[in-house]
Amino acid sequence: MGPLWDFDLAFGNVNYSDATHPTGFWVKNHKWYARLFQDPLFVAKVKSRFIYFKGNQNLILNKIDSHANYLKWAQAENNKKWNTIGVYVWPNPVVLSTYEAEVNQLKSWYSQRMTWLVTAFNSL
């Protein structure tokens, strides 16, 4: 499939699509993937891969905290230069007043997404 990208879409950080919300399949019904999801073998592999990530959800949340901590000084300098914390920057769907609030928003969105995906994948 090639390199991964669009992590803004993958983690709800856009205001121009349904990807803003932690619920819904935004890619599954796209013409490129609709046929793949008709294949039971493909669906089984997707479910299997999801189970792996669901089982490691806390590891991923901890990585977010670790990366956020590592970047805390860089983000402070970035904000000092560009003044983006608490200011609307296109296409972010929410404006939060602190770096910590931004990190917590990401973790909350991710947790909600994973919870929704459990139910969604059970119905595939």
PDB file of N, CA and C in Angstrom:
ATOM      1  N   MET A   1       0.819  -1.204   0.000  1.00  0.00           N
ATOM      2  CA  MET A   1       0.000   0.000   0.000  1.00  0.00           C
ATOM      3  C   MET A   1       0.852   1.253   0.000  1.00  0.00           C
ATOM      4  N   GLY A   2       2.123   1.125   0.245  1.00  0.00           N
ATOM      5  CA  GLY A   2       2.965   2.304   0.223  1.00  0.00           C
ATOM      6  C   GLY A   2       3.102   2.932   1.592  1.00  0.00           C
ATOM      7  N   PRO A   3       3.708   4.111   1.674  1.00  0.00           N
ATOM      8  CA  PRO A   3       3.961   4.751   2.978  1.00  0.00           C
ATOM      9  C   PRO A   3       2.667   5.244   3.623  1.00  0.00           C
ATOM     10  N   LEU A   4       2.709   5.322   4.935  1.00  0.00           N
ATOM     11  CA  LEU A   4       1.578   5.867   5.683  1.00  0.00           C
ATOM     12  C   LEU A   4       1.655   7.390   5.685  1.00  0.00           C
ATOM     13  N   TRP A   5       0.508   8.024   5.602  1.00  0.00           N
ATOM     14  CA  TRP A   5       0.440   9.466   5.708  1.00  0.00           C
ATOM     15  C   TRP A   5      -0.964   9.829   6.178  1.00  0.00           C
ATOM     16  N   ASP A   6      -1.268  11.088   6.188  1.00  0.00           N
ATOM     17  CA  ASP A   6      -2.563  11.595   6.620  1.00  0.00           C
ATOM     18  C   ASP A   6      -2.875  11.262   8.070  1.00  0.00           C
ATOM     19  N   PHE A   7      -1.891  11.421   8.933  1.00  0.00           N
ATOM     20  CA  PHE A   7      -2.152  11.196  10.344  1.00  0.00           C
ATOM     21  C   PHE A   7      -3.076  12.268  10.920  1.00  0.00           C
ATOM     22  N   ASP A   8      -3.209  13.402  10.236  1.00  0.00           N
ATOM     23  CA  ASP A   8      -4.198  14.383  10.662  1.00  0.00           C
ATOM     24  C   ASP A   8      -5.591  13.780  10.521  1.00  0.00           C
ATOM     25  N   LEU A   9      -5.859  13.137   9.387  1.00  0.00           N
ATOM     26  CA  LEU A   9      -7.147  12.463   9.181  1.00  0.00           C
ATOM     27  C   LEU A   9      -7.291  11.267  10.120  1.00  0.00           C
ATOM     28  N   ALA A  10      -6.230  10.506  10.279  1.00  0.00           N
ATOM     29  CA  ALA A  10      -6.288   9.289  11.084  1.00  0.00           C
ATOM     30  C   ALA A  10      -6.584   9.573  12.555  1.00  0.00           C
ATOM     31  N   PHE A  11      -6.257  10.767  13.020  1.00  0.00           N
ATOM     32  CA  PHE A  11      -6.469  11.097  14.425  1.00  0.00           C
ATOM     33  C   PHE A  11      -7.408  12.280  14.620  1.00  0.00           C
ATOM     34  N   GLY A  12      -8.306  12.482  13.655  1.00  0.00           N
ATOM     35  CA  GLY A  12      -9.388  13.454  13.819  1.00  0.00           C
ATOM     36  C   GLY A  12      -8.993  14.906  13.814  1.00  0.00           C
ATOM     37  N   ASN A  13      -7.829  15.246  13.283  1.00  0.00           N
ATOM     38  CA  ASN A  13      -7.356  16.621  13.350  1.00  0.00           C
ATOM     39  C   ASN A  13      -7.660  17.398  12.068  1.00  0.00           C
ATOM     40  N   VAL A  14      -8.907  17.313  11.610  1.00  0.00           N
ATOM     41  CA  VAL A  14      -9.367  18.076  10.447  1.00  0.00           C
ATOM     42  C   VAL A  14     -10.796  18.552  10.695  1.00  0.00           C
ATOM     43  N   ASN A  15     -11.152  19.666  10.103  1.00  0.00           N
ATOM     44  CA  ASN A  15     -12.523  20.157  10.273  1.00  0.00           C
ATOM     45  C   ASN A  15     -13.314  20.119   8.975  1.00  0.00           C
ATOM     46  N   TYR A  16     -12.789  19.473   7.946  1.00  0.00           N
ATOM     47  CA  TYR A  16     -13.458  19.469   6.640  1.00  0.00           C
ATOM     48  C   TYR A  16     -13.984  18.103   6.235  1.00  0.00           C
ATOM     49  N   SER A  17     -14.022  17.161   7.161  1.00  0.00           N
ATOM     50  CA  SER A  17     -14.557  15.842   6.824  1.00  0.00           C
ATOM     51  C   SER A  17     -15.112  15.181   8.074  1.00  0.00           C
ATOM     52  N   ASP A  18     -15.766  14.038   7.867  1.00  0.00           N
ATOM     53  CA  ASP A  18     -16.293  13.277   9.001  1.00  0.00           C
ATOM     54  C   ASP A  18     -15.189  12.697   9.870  1.00  0.00           C
ATOM     55  N   ALA A  19     -13.955  12.753   9.410  1.00  0.00           N
ATOM     56  CA  ALA A  19     -12.837  12.246  10.206  1.00  0.00           C
ATOM     57  C   ALA A  19     -12.643  13.040  11.498  1.00  0.00           C
ATOM     58  N   THR A  20     -13.309  14.186  11.605  1.00  0.00           N
ATOM     59  CA  THR A  20     -13.279  14.951  12.853  1.00  0.00           C
ATOM     60  C   THR A  20     -13.811  14.124  14.016  1.00  0.00           C
ATOM     61  N   HIS A  21     -14.776  13.270  13.723  1.00  0.00           N
ATOM     62  CA  HIS A  21     -15.444  12.476  14.753  1.00  0.00           C
ATOM     63  C   HIS A  21     -14.760  11.118  14.924  1.00  0.00           C
ATOM     64  N   PRO A  22     -14.704  10.592  16.135  1.00  0.00           N
ATOM     65  CA  PRO A  22     -14.051   9.298  16.346  1.00  0.00           C
ATOM     66  C   PRO A  22     -14.890   8.103  15.879  1.00  0.00           C
ATOM     67  N   THR A  23     -16.042   8.361  15.322  1.00  0.00           N
ATOM     68  CA  THR A  23     -16.894   7.283  14.827  1.00  0.00           C
ATOM     69  C   THR A  23     -16.997   7.370  13.310  1.00  0.00           C
ATOM     70  N   GLY A  24     -17.241   6.247  12.701  1.00  0.00           N
ATOM     71  CA  GLY A  24     -17.447   6.211  11.265  1.00  0.00           C
ATOM     72  C   GLY A  24     -16.269   5.647  10.499  1.00  0.00           C
ATOM     73  N   PHE A  25     -16.595   5.021   9.387  1.00  0.00           N
ATOM     74  CA  PHE A  25     -15.563   4.524   8.479  1.00  0.00           C
ATOM     75  C   PHE A  25     -15.398   5.546   7.371  1.00  0.00           C
ATOM     76  N   TRP A  26     -14.253   6.181   7.281  1.00  0.00           N
ATOM     77  CA  TRP A  26     -14.023   7.185   6.259  1.00  0.00           C
ATOM     78  C   TRP A  26     -13.326   6.584   5.051  1.00  0.00           C
ATOM     79  N   VAL A  27     -12.584   5.520   5.253  1.00  0.00           N
ATOM     80  CA  VAL A  27     -11.816   4.925   4.155  1.00  0.00           C
ATOM     81  C   VAL A  27     -12.471   3.643   3.653  1.00  0.00           C
ATOM     82  N   LYS A  28     -13.058   2.891   4.530  1.00  0.00           N
ATOM     83  CA  LYS A  28     -13.620   1.583   4.175  1.00  0.00           C
ATOM     84  C   LYS A  28     -14.586   1.666   2.997  1.00  0.00           C
ATOM     85  N   ASN A  29     -15.358   2.697   2.907  1.00  0.00           N
ATOM     86  CA  ASN A  29     -16.356   2.815   1.849  1.00  0.00           C
ATOM     87  C   ASN A  29     -15.847   3.573   0.624  1.00  0.00           C
ATOM     88  N   HIS A  30     -14.615   4.006   0.663  1.00  0.00           N
ATOM     89  CA  HIS A  30     -14.018   4.676  -0.488  1.00  0.00           C
ATOM     90  C   HIS A  30     -13.870   3.661  -1.622  1.00  0.00           C
ATOM     91  N   LYS A  31     -14.006   4.116  -2.839  1.00  0.00           N
ATOM     92  CA  LYS A  31     -14.004   3.196  -3.986  1.00  0.00           C
ATOM     93  C   LYS A  31     -12.768   2.316  -4.043  1.00  0.00           C
ATOM     94  N   TRP A  32     -11.641   2.798  -3.551  1.00  0.00           N
ATOM     95  CA  TRP A  32     -10.427   1.986  -3.594  1.00  0.00           C
ATOM     96  C   TRP A  32     -10.498   0.807  -2.639  1.00  0.00           C
ATOM     97  N   TYR A  33     -11.242   0.968  -1.539  1.00  0.00           N
ATOM     98  CA  TYR A  33     -11.268  -0.065  -0.503  1.00  0.00           C
ATOM     99  C   TYR A  33     -12.556  -0.876  -0.453  1.00  0.00           C
ATOM    100  N   ALA A  34     -13.611  -0.369  -1.039  1.00  0.00           N
ATOM    101  CA  ALA A  34     -14.912  -1.062  -0.963  1.00  0.00           C
ATOM    102  C   ALA A  34     -14.799  -2.504  -1.439  1.00  0.00           C
ATOM    103  N   ARG A  35     -14.096  -2.722  -2.526  1.00  0.00           N
ATOM    104  CA  ARG A  35     -13.936  -4.083  -3.048  1.00  0.00           C
ATOM    105  C   ARG A  35     -13.128  -4.951  -2.089  1.00  0.00           C
ATOM    106  N   LEU A  36     -12.095  -4.405  -1.498  1.00  0.00           N
ATOM    107  CA  LEU A  36     -11.287  -5.175  -0.552  1.00  0.00           C
ATOM    108  C   LEU A  36     -12.134  -5.670   0.622  1.00  0.00           C
ATOM    109  N   PHE A  37     -13.037  -4.818   1.105  1.00  0.00           N
ATOM    110  CA  PHE A  37     -13.859  -5.203   2.253  1.00  0.00           C
ATOM    111  C   PHE A  37     -14.972  -6.193   1.885  1.00  0.00           C
ATOM    112  N   GLN A  38     -15.096  -6.519   0.605  1.00  0.00           N
ATOM    113  CA  GLN A  38     -16.000  -7.599   0.193  1.00  0.00           C
ATOM    114  C   GLN A  38     -15.312  -8.962   0.304  1.00  0.00           C
ATOM    115  N   ASP A  39     -14.018  -8.955   0.465  1.00  0.00           N
ATOM    116  CA  ASP A  39     -13.220 -10.180   0.542  1.00  0.00           C
ATOM    117  C   ASP A  39     -13.098 -10.619   2.001  1.00  0.00           C
ATOM    118  N   PRO A  40     -13.668 -11.764   2.381  1.00  0.00           N
ATOM    119  CA  PRO A  40     -13.626 -12.223   3.770  1.00  0.00           C
ATOM    120  C   PRO A  40     -12.205 -12.396   4.306  1.00  0.00           C
ATOM    121  N   LEU A  41     -11.262 -12.777   3.462  1.00  0.00           N
ATOM    122  CA  LEU A  41      -9.877 -12.923   3.896  1.00  0.00           C
ATOM    123  C   LEU A  41      -9.273 -11.575   4.284  1.00  0.00           C
ATOM    124  N   PHE A  42      -9.554 -10.568   3.492  1.00  0.00           N
ATOM    125  CA  PHE A  42      -9.066  -9.222   3.795  1.00  0.00           C
ATOM    126  C   PHE A  42      -9.678  -8.724   5.102  1.00  0.00           C
ATOM    127  N   VAL A  43     -10.981  -8.907   5.256  1.00  0.00           N
ATOM    128  CA  VAL A  43     -11.666  -8.476   6.480  1.00  0.00           C
ATOM    129  C   VAL A  43     -11.066  -9.178   7.696  1.00  0.00           C
ATOM    130  N   ALA A  44     -10.782 -10.457   7.566  1.00  0.00           N
ATOM    131  CA  ALA A  44     -10.179 -11.212   8.676  1.00  0.00           C
ATOM    132  C   ALA A  44      -8.812 -10.641   9.040  1.00  0.00           C
ATOM    133  N   LYS A  45      -8.028 -10.273   8.044  1.00  0.00           N
ATOM    134  CA  LYS A  45      -6.709  -9.689   8.316  1.00  0.00           C
ATOM    135  C   LYS A  45      -6.827  -8.316   8.984  1.00  0.00           C
ATOM    136  N   VAL A  46      -7.799  -7.522   8.535  1.00  0.00           N
ATOM    137  CA  VAL A  46      -8.019  -6.212   9.148  1.00  0.00           C
ATOM    138  C   VAL A  46      -8.418  -6.390  10.613  1.00  0.00           C
ATOM    139  N   LYS A  47      -9.326  -7.304  10.873  1.00  0.00           N
ATOM    140  CA  LYS A  47      -9.767  -7.559  12.253  1.00  0.00           C
ATOM    141  C   LYS A  47      -8.608  -8.035  13.113  1.00  0.00           C
ATOM    142  N   SER A  48      -7.805  -8.931  12.574  1.00  0.00           N
ATOM    143  CA  SER A  48      -6.656  -9.455  13.309  1.00  0.00           C
ATOM    144  C   SER A  48      -5.673  -8.338  13.655  1.00  0.00           C
ATOM    145  N   ARG A  49      -5.411  -7.480  12.700  1.00  0.00           N
ATOM    146  CA  ARG A  49      -4.481  -6.376  12.945  1.00  0.00           C
ATOM    147  C   ARG A  49      -5.054  -5.407  13.965  1.00  0.00           C
ATOM    148  N   PHE A  50      -6.355  -5.165  13.881  1.00  0.00           N
ATOM    149  CA  PHE A  50      -6.988  -4.278  14.854  1.00  0.00           C
ATOM    150  C   PHE A  50      -6.889  -4.867  16.260  1.00  0.00           C
ATOM    151  N   ILE A  51      -7.126  -6.154  16.402  1.00  0.00           N
ATOM    152  CA  ILE A  51      -7.041  -6.802  17.717  1.00  0.00           C
ATOM    153  C   ILE A  51      -5.655  -6.586  18.322  1.00  0.00           C
ATOM    154  N   TYR A  52      -4.621  -6.657  17.486  1.00  0.00           N
ATOM    155  CA  TYR A  52      -3.258  -6.402  17.960  1.00  0.00           C
ATOM    156  C   TYR A  52      -3.155  -4.983  18.538  1.00  0.00           C
ATOM    157  N   PHE A  53      -3.631  -3.992  17.789  1.00  0.00           N
ATOM    158  CA  PHE A  53      -3.521  -2.611  18.252  1.00  0.00           C
ATOM    159  C   PHE A  53      -4.439  -2.330  19.440  1.00  0.00           C
ATOM    160  N   LYS A  54      -5.605  -2.927  19.467  1.00  0.00           N
ATOM    161  CA  LYS A  54      -6.495  -2.752  20.624  1.00  0.00           C
ATOM    162  C   LYS A  54      -5.833  -3.312  21.875  1.00  0.00           C
ATOM    163  N   GLY A  55      -5.173  -4.464  21.717  1.00  0.00           N
ATOM    164  CA  GLY A  55      -4.464  -5.064  22.850  1.00  0.00           C
ATOM    165  C   GLY A  55      -3.284  -4.233  23.317  1.00  0.00           C
ATOM    166  N   ASN A  56      -2.783  -3.356  22.461  1.00  0.00           N
ATOM    167  CA  ASN A  56      -1.656  -2.491  22.797  1.00  0.00           C
ATOM    168  C   ASN A  56      -2.071  -1.029  22.950  1.00  0.00           C
ATOM    169  N   GLN A  57      -3.338  -0.809  23.187  1.00  0.00           N
ATOM    170  CA  GLN A  57      -3.841   0.559  23.281  1.00  0.00           C
ATOM    171  C   GLN A  57      -3.126   1.355  24.361  1.00  0.00           C
ATOM    172  N   ASN A  58      -2.909   0.766  25.515  1.00  0.00           N
ATOM    173  CA  ASN A  58      -2.227   1.502  26.588  1.00  0.00           C
ATOM    174  C   ASN A  58      -0.783   1.814  26.227  1.00  0.00           C
ATOM    175  N   LEU A  59      -0.139   0.910  25.508  1.00  0.00           N
ATOM    176  CA  LEU A  59       1.222   1.176  25.044  1.00  0.00           C
ATOM    177  C   LEU A  59       1.235   2.400  24.126  1.00  0.00           C
ATOM    178  N   ILE A  60       0.265   2.477  23.249  1.00  0.00           N
ATOM    179  CA  ILE A  60       0.179   3.610  22.318  1.00  0.00           C
ATOM    180  C   ILE A  60      -0.121   4.906  23.080  1.00  0.00           C
ATOM    181  N   LEU A  61      -1.035   4.844  24.030  1.00  0.00           N
ATOM    182  CA  LEU A  61      -1.327   6.036  24.847  1.00  0.00           C
ATOM    183  C   LEU A  61      -0.082   6.475  25.623  1.00  0.00           C
ATOM    184  N   ASN A  62       0.666   5.506  26.134  1.00  0.00           N
ATOM    185  CA  ASN A  62       1.905   5.838  26.852  1.00  0.00           C
ATOM    186  C   ASN A  62       2.945   6.436  25.910  1.00  0.00           C
ATOM    187  N   LYS A  63       2.986   5.962  24.657  1.00  0.00           N
ATOM    188  CA  LYS A  63       3.906   6.535  23.668  1.00  0.00           C
ATOM    189  C   LYS A  63       3.544   7.998  23.382  1.00  0.00           C
ATOM    190  N   ILE A  64       2.243   8.263  23.323  1.00  0.00           N
ATOM    191  CA  ILE A  64       1.816   9.649  23.111  1.00  0.00           C
ATOM    192  C   ILE A  64       2.343  10.517  24.251  1.00  0.00           C
ATOM    193  N   ASP A  65       2.187  10.047  25.477  1.00  0.00           N
ATOM    194  CA  ASP A  65       2.701  10.798  26.628  1.00  0.00           C
ATOM    195  C   ASP A  65       4.216  10.967  26.550  1.00  0.00           C
ATOM    196  N   SER A  66       4.896   9.907  26.188  1.00  0.00           N
ATOM    197  CA  SER A  66       6.353   9.959  26.090  1.00  0.00           C
ATOM    198  C   SER A  66       6.807  10.950  25.018  1.00  0.00           C
ATOM    199  N   HIS A  67       6.179  10.895  23.862  1.00  0.00           N
ATOM    200  CA  HIS A  67       6.533  11.828  22.792  1.00  0.00           C
ATOM    201  C   HIS A  67       6.176  13.264  23.180  1.00  0.00           C
ATOM    202  N   ALA A  68       5.033  13.428  23.829  1.00  0.00           N
ATOM    203  CA  ALA A  68       4.621  14.770  24.262  1.00  0.00           C
ATOM    204  C   ALA A  68       5.625  15.337  25.257  1.00  0.00           C
ATOM    205  N   ASN A  69       6.090  14.503  26.161  1.00  0.00           N
ATOM    206  CA  ASN A  69       7.084  14.944  27.130  1.00  0.00           C
ATOM    207  C   ASN A  69       8.394  15.301  26.432  1.00  0.00           C
ATOM    208  N   TYR A  70       8.816  14.477  25.491  1.00  0.00           N
ATOM    209  CA  TYR A  70      10.046  14.723  24.736  1.00  0.00           C
ATOM    210  C   TYR A  70       9.965  16.050  23.973  1.00  0.00           C
ATOM    211  N   LEU A  71       8.776  16.368  23.467  1.00  0.00           N
ATOM    212  CA  LEU A  71       8.595  17.568  22.643  1.00  0.00           C
ATOM    213  C   LEU A  71       8.187  18.818  23.430  1.00  0.00           C
ATOM    214  N   LYS A  72       8.062  18.700  24.756  1.00  0.00           N
ATOM    215  CA  LYS A  72       7.502  19.817  25.516  1.00  0.00           C
ATOM    216  C   LYS A  72       8.299  21.111  25.352  1.00  0.00           C
ATOM    217  N   TRP A  73       9.623  21.040  25.306  1.00  0.00           N
ATOM    218  CA  TRP A  73      10.414  22.271  25.157  1.00  0.00           C
ATOM    219  C   TRP A  73      10.351  22.771  23.722  1.00  0.00           C
ATOM    220  N   ALA A  74      10.371  21.847  22.772  1.00  0.00           N
ATOM    221  CA  ALA A  74      10.283  22.254  21.363  1.00  0.00           C
ATOM    222  C   ALA A  74       8.940  22.910  21.065  1.00  0.00           C
ATOM    223  N   GLN A  75       7.863  22.352  21.623  1.00  0.00           N
ATOM    224  CA  GLN A  75       6.558  22.958  21.363  1.00  0.00           C
ATOM    225  C   GLN A  75       6.458  24.322  22.026  1.00  0.00           C
ATOM    226  N   ALA A  76       7.100  24.489  23.175  1.00  0.00           N
ATOM    227  CA  ALA A  76       7.081  25.797  23.840  1.00  0.00           C
ATOM    228  C   ALA A  76       7.798  26.842  22.980  1.00  0.00           C
ATOM    229  N   GLU A  77       8.947  26.460  22.424  1.00  0.00           N
ATOM    230  CA  GLU A  77       9.681  27.382  21.541  1.00  0.00           C
ATOM    231  C   GLU A  77       8.895  27.656  20.260  1.00  0.00           C
ATOM    232  N   ASN A  78       8.256  26.605  19.728  1.00  0.00           N
ATOM    233  CA  ASN A  78       7.429  26.770  18.535  1.00  0.00           C
ATOM    234  C   ASN A  78       6.292  27.756  18.808  1.00  0.00           C
ATOM    235  N   ASN A  79       5.649  27.588  19.958  1.00  0.00           N
ATOM    236  CA  ASN A  79       4.545  28.488  20.297  1.00  0.00           C
ATOM    237  C   ASN A  79       5.040  29.911  20.546  1.00  0.00           C
ATOM    238  N   LYS A  80       6.228  30.037  21.127  1.00  0.00           N
ATOM    239  CA  LYS A  80       6.795  31.365  21.352  1.00  0.00           C
ATOM    240  C   LYS A  80       7.011  32.076  20.005  1.00  0.00           C
ATOM    241  N   LYS A  81       7.443  31.312  19.013  1.00  0.00           N
ATOM    242  CA  LYS A  81       7.707  31.882  17.686  1.00  0.00           C
ATOM    243  C   LYS A  81       6.416  32.135  16.903  1.00  0.00           C
ATOM    244  N   TRP A  82       5.489  31.146  16.899  1.00  0.00           N
ATOM    245  CA  TRP A  82       4.333  31.203  16.009  1.00  0.00           C
ATOM    246  C   TRP A  82       3.006  31.473  16.709  1.00  0.00           C
ATOM    247  N   ASN A  83       2.966  31.411  18.039  1.00  0.00           N
ATOM    248  CA  ASN A  83       1.754  31.703  18.812  1.00  0.00           C
ATOM    249  C   ASN A  83       0.535  30.924  18.299  1.00  0.00           C
ATOM    250  N   THR A  84       0.632  29.590  18.311  1.00  0.00           N
ATOM    251  CA  THR A  84      -0.462  28.762  17.794  1.00  0.00           C
ATOM    252  C   THR A  84      -1.325  28.131  18.885  1.00  0.00           C
ATOM    253  N   ILE A  85      -0.836  28.034  20.097  1.00  0.00           N
ATOM    254  CA  ILE A  85      -1.645  27.445  21.173  1.00  0.00           C
ATOM    255  C   ILE A  85      -2.764  28.423  21.521  1.00  0.00           C
ATOM    256  N   GLY A  86      -3.992  27.905  21.503  1.00  0.00           N
ATOM    257  CA  GLY A  86      -5.153  28.733  21.811  1.00  0.00           C
ATOM    258  C   GLY A  86      -5.649  29.570  20.646  1.00  0.00           C
ATOM    259  N   VAL A  87      -5.080  29.340  19.451  1.00  0.00           N
ATOM    260  CA  VAL A  87      -5.438  30.106  18.259  1.00  0.00           C
ATOM    261  C   VAL A  87      -5.889  29.114  17.190  1.00  0.00           C
ATOM    262  N   TYR A  88      -6.967  29.449  16.491  1.00  0.00           N
ATOM    263  CA  TYR A  88      -7.419  28.572  15.416  1.00  0.00           C
ATOM    264  C   TYR A  88      -6.383  28.533  14.301  1.00  0.00           C
ATOM    265  N   VAL A  89      -6.000  27.312  13.920  1.00  0.00           N
ATOM    266  CA  VAL A  89      -5.099  27.084  12.786  1.00  0.00           C
ATOM    267  C   VAL A  89      -5.801  26.078  11.886  1.00  0.00           C
ATOM    268  N   TRP A  90      -6.021  26.470  10.629  1.00  0.00           N
ATOM    269  CA  TRP A  90      -6.704  25.582   9.698  1.00  0.00           C
ATOM    270  C   TRP A  90      -5.874  24.335   9.499  1.00  0.00           C
ATOM    271  N   PRO A  91      -6.480  23.160   9.479  1.00  0.00           N
ATOM    272  CA  PRO A  91      -7.880  22.795   9.572  1.00  0.00           C
ATOM    273  C   PRO A  91      -8.236  22.146  10.912  1.00  0.00           C
ATOM    274  N   ASN A  92      -7.584  22.568  11.994  1.00  0.00           N
ATOM    275  CA  ASN A  92      -7.841  21.939  13.291  1.00  0.00           C
ATOM    276  C   ASN A  92      -9.289  22.137  13.730  1.00  0.00           C
ATOM    277  N   PRO A  93      -9.947  21.067  14.200  1.00  0.00           N
ATOM    278  CA  PRO A  93     -11.358  21.174  14.570  1.00  0.00           C
ATOM    279  C   PRO A  93     -11.612  21.788  15.943  1.00  0.00           C
ATOM    280  N   VAL A  94     -10.607  21.805  16.791  1.00  0.00           N
ATOM    281  CA  VAL A  94     -10.779  22.386  18.126  1.00  0.00           C
ATOM    282  C   VAL A  94      -9.625  23.332  18.409  1.00  0.00           C
ATOM    283  N   VAL A  95      -9.892  24.299  19.265  1.00  0.00           N
ATOM    284  CA  VAL A  95      -8.863  25.227  19.717  1.00  0.00           C
ATOM    285  C   VAL A  95      -8.747  25.041  21.224  1.00  0.00           C
ATOM    286  N   LEU A  96      -7.583  24.663  21.658  1.00  0.00           N
ATOM    287  CA  LEU A  96      -7.361  24.422  23.085  1.00  0.00           C
ATOM    288  C   LEU A  96      -6.282  25.371  23.589  1.00  0.00           C
ATOM    289  N   SER A  97      -6.335  25.683  24.869  1.00  0.00           N
ATOM    290  CA  SER A  97      -5.494  26.765  25.396  1.00  0.00           C
ATOM    291  C   SER A  97      -4.128  26.325  25.915  1.00  0.00           C
ATOM    292  N   THR A  98      -3.873  25.009  25.984  1.00  0.00           N
ATOM    293  CA  THR A  98      -2.565  24.556  26.462  1.00  0.00           C
ATOM    294  C   THR A  98      -2.091  23.344  25.657  1.00  0.00           C
ATOM    295  N   TYR A  99      -0.805  23.147  25.678  1.00  0.00           N
ATOM    296  CA  TYR A  99      -0.201  21.978  25.040  1.00  0.00           C
ATOM    297  C   TYR A  99      -0.745  20.701  25.677  1.00  0.00           C
ATOM    298  N   GLU A 100      -0.844  20.702  27.004  1.00  0.00           N
ATOM    299  CA  GLU A 100      -1.364  19.540  27.718  1.00  0.00           C
ATOM    300  C   GLU A 100      -2.793  19.212  27.288  1.00  0.00           C
ATOM    301  N   ALA A 101      -3.606  20.238  27.092  1.00  0.00           N
ATOM    302  CA  ALA A 101      -4.984  20.021  26.629  1.00  0.00           C
ATOM    303  C   ALA A 101      -4.989  19.420  25.226  1.00  0.00           C
ATOM    304  N   GLU A 102      -4.058  19.850  24.379  1.00  0.00           N
ATOM    305  CA  GLU A 102      -3.938  19.285  23.028  1.00  0.00           C
ATOM    306  C   GLU A 102      -3.586  17.796  23.104  1.00  0.00           C
ATOM    307  N   VAL A 103      -2.642  17.453  23.949  1.00  0.00           N
ATOM    308  CA  VAL A 103      -2.235  16.053  24.111  1.00  0.00           C
ATOM    309  C   VAL A 103      -3.404  15.235  24.657  1.00  0.00           C
ATOM    310  N   ASN A 104      -4.091  15.757  25.652  1.00  0.00           N
ATOM    311  CA  ASN A 104      -5.239  15.039  26.224  1.00  0.00           C
ATOM    312  C   ASN A 104      -6.360  14.859  25.202  1.00  0.00           C
ATOM    313  N   GLN A 105      -6.565  15.862  24.341  1.00  0.00           N
ATOM    314  CA  GLN A 105      -7.570  15.751  23.277  1.00  0.00           C
ATOM    315  C   GLN A 105      -7.220  14.608  22.331  1.00  0.00           C
ATOM    316  N   LEU A 106      -5.963  14.524  21.944  1.00  0.00           N
ATOM    317  CA  LEU A 106      -5.508  13.448  21.065  1.00  0.00           C
ATOM    318  C   LEU A 106      -5.750  12.090  21.711  1.00  0.00           C
ATOM    319  N   LYS A 107      -5.384  11.946  22.967  1.00  0.00           N
ATOM    320  CA  LYS A 107      -5.554  10.669  23.668  1.00  0.00           C
ATOM    321  C   LYS A 107      -7.033  10.311  23.841  1.00  0.00           C
ATOM    322  N   SER A 108      -7.846  11.293  24.143  1.00  0.00           N
ATOM    323  CA  SER A 108      -9.279  11.058  24.303  1.00  0.00           C
ATOM    324  C   SER A 108      -9.904  10.631  22.977  1.00  0.00           C
ATOM    325  N   TRP A 109      -9.566  11.346  21.913  1.00  0.00           N
ATOM    326  CA  TRP A 109     -10.099  11.012  20.589  1.00  0.00           C
ATOM    327  C   TRP A 109      -9.688   9.598  20.209  1.00  0.00           C
ATOM    328  N   TYR A 110      -8.420   9.277  20.405  1.00  0.00           N
ATOM    329  CA  TYR A 110      -7.909   7.945  20.067  1.00  0.00           C
ATOM    330  C   TYR A 110      -8.641   6.858  20.859  1.00  0.00           C
ATOM    331  N   SER A 111      -8.836   7.058  22.142  1.00  0.00           N
ATOM    332  CA  SER A 111      -9.538   6.077  22.977  1.00  0.00           C
ATOM    333  C   SER A 111     -10.982   5.894  22.520  1.00  0.00           C
ATOM    334  N   GLN A 112     -11.658   6.987  22.214  1.00  0.00           N
ATOM    335  CA  GLN A 112     -13.026   6.896  21.706  1.00  0.00           C
ATOM    336  C   GLN A 112     -13.070   6.160  20.373  1.00  0.00           C
ATOM    337  N   ARG A 113     -12.097   6.429  19.531  1.00  0.00           N
ATOM    338  CA  ARG A 113     -12.023   5.763  18.220  1.00  0.00           C
ATOM    339  C   ARG A 113     -11.852   4.261  18.386  1.00  0.00           C
ATOM    340  N   MET A 114     -10.956   3.865  19.260  1.00  0.00           N
ATOM    341  CA  MET A 114     -10.711   2.437  19.481  1.00  0.00           C
ATOM    342  C   MET A 114     -11.964   1.754  20.028  1.00  0.00           C
ATOM    343  N   THR A 115     -12.669   2.408  20.931  1.00  0.00           N
ATOM    344  CA  THR A 115     -13.909   1.844  21.475  1.00  0.00           C
ATOM    345  C   THR A 115     -14.941   1.673  20.369  1.00  0.00           C
ATOM    346  N   TRP A 116     -15.076   2.679  19.516  1.00  0.00           N
ATOM    347  CA  TRP A 116     -16.029   2.574  18.414  1.00  0.00           C
ATOM    348  C   TRP A 116     -15.633   1.463  17.450  1.00  0.00           C
ATOM    349  N   LEU A 117     -14.354   1.340  17.158  1.00  0.00           N
ATOM    350  CA  LEU A 117     -13.891   0.322  16.214  1.00  0.00           C
ATOM    351  C   LEU A 117     -14.168  -1.096  16.697  1.00  0.00           C
ATOM    352  N   VAL A 118     -14.144  -1.333  18.002  1.00  0.00           N
ATOM    353  CA  VAL A 118     -14.472  -2.663  18.526  1.00  0.00           C
ATOM    354  C   VAL A 118     -15.844  -3.071  18.038  1.00  0.00           C
ATOM    355  N   THR A 119     -16.826  -2.227  18.228  1.00  0.00           N
ATOM    356  CA  THR A 119     -18.200  -2.509  17.787  1.00  0.00           C
ATOM    357  C   THR A 119     -18.272  -2.579  16.275  1.00  0.00           C
ATOM    358  N   ALA A 120     -17.638  -1.654  15.595  1.00  0.00           N
ATOM    359  CA  ALA A 120     -17.701  -1.606  14.133  1.00  0.00           C
ATOM    360  C   ALA A 120     -17.104  -2.866  13.512  1.00  0.00           C
ATOM    361  N   PHE A 121     -15.979  -3.320  14.004  1.00  0.00           N
ATOM    362  CA  PHE A 121     -15.352  -4.511  13.427  1.00  0.00           C
ATOM    363  C   PHE A 121     -16.137  -5.778  13.760  1.00  0.00           C
ATOM    364  N   ASN A 122     -16.831  -5.783  14.876  1.00  0.00           N
ATOM    365  CA  ASN A 122     -17.679  -6.934  15.200  1.00  0.00           C
ATOM    366  C   ASN A 122     -18.833  -7.089  14.210  1.00  0.00           C
ATOM    367  N   SER A 123     -19.219  -5.986  13.567  1.00  0.00           N
ATOM    368  CA  SER A 123     -20.338  -6.065  12.628  1.00  0.00           C
ATOM    369  C   SER A 123     -19.896  -6.297  11.186  1.00  0.00           C
ATOM    370  N   LEU A 124     -18.595  -6.389  10.944  1.00  0.00           N
ATOM    371  CA  LEU A 124     -18.129  -6.656   9.576  1.00  0.00           C
ATOM    372  C   LEU A 124     -18.349  -8.106   9.201  1.00  0.00           C
TER     373      LEU A 124
END
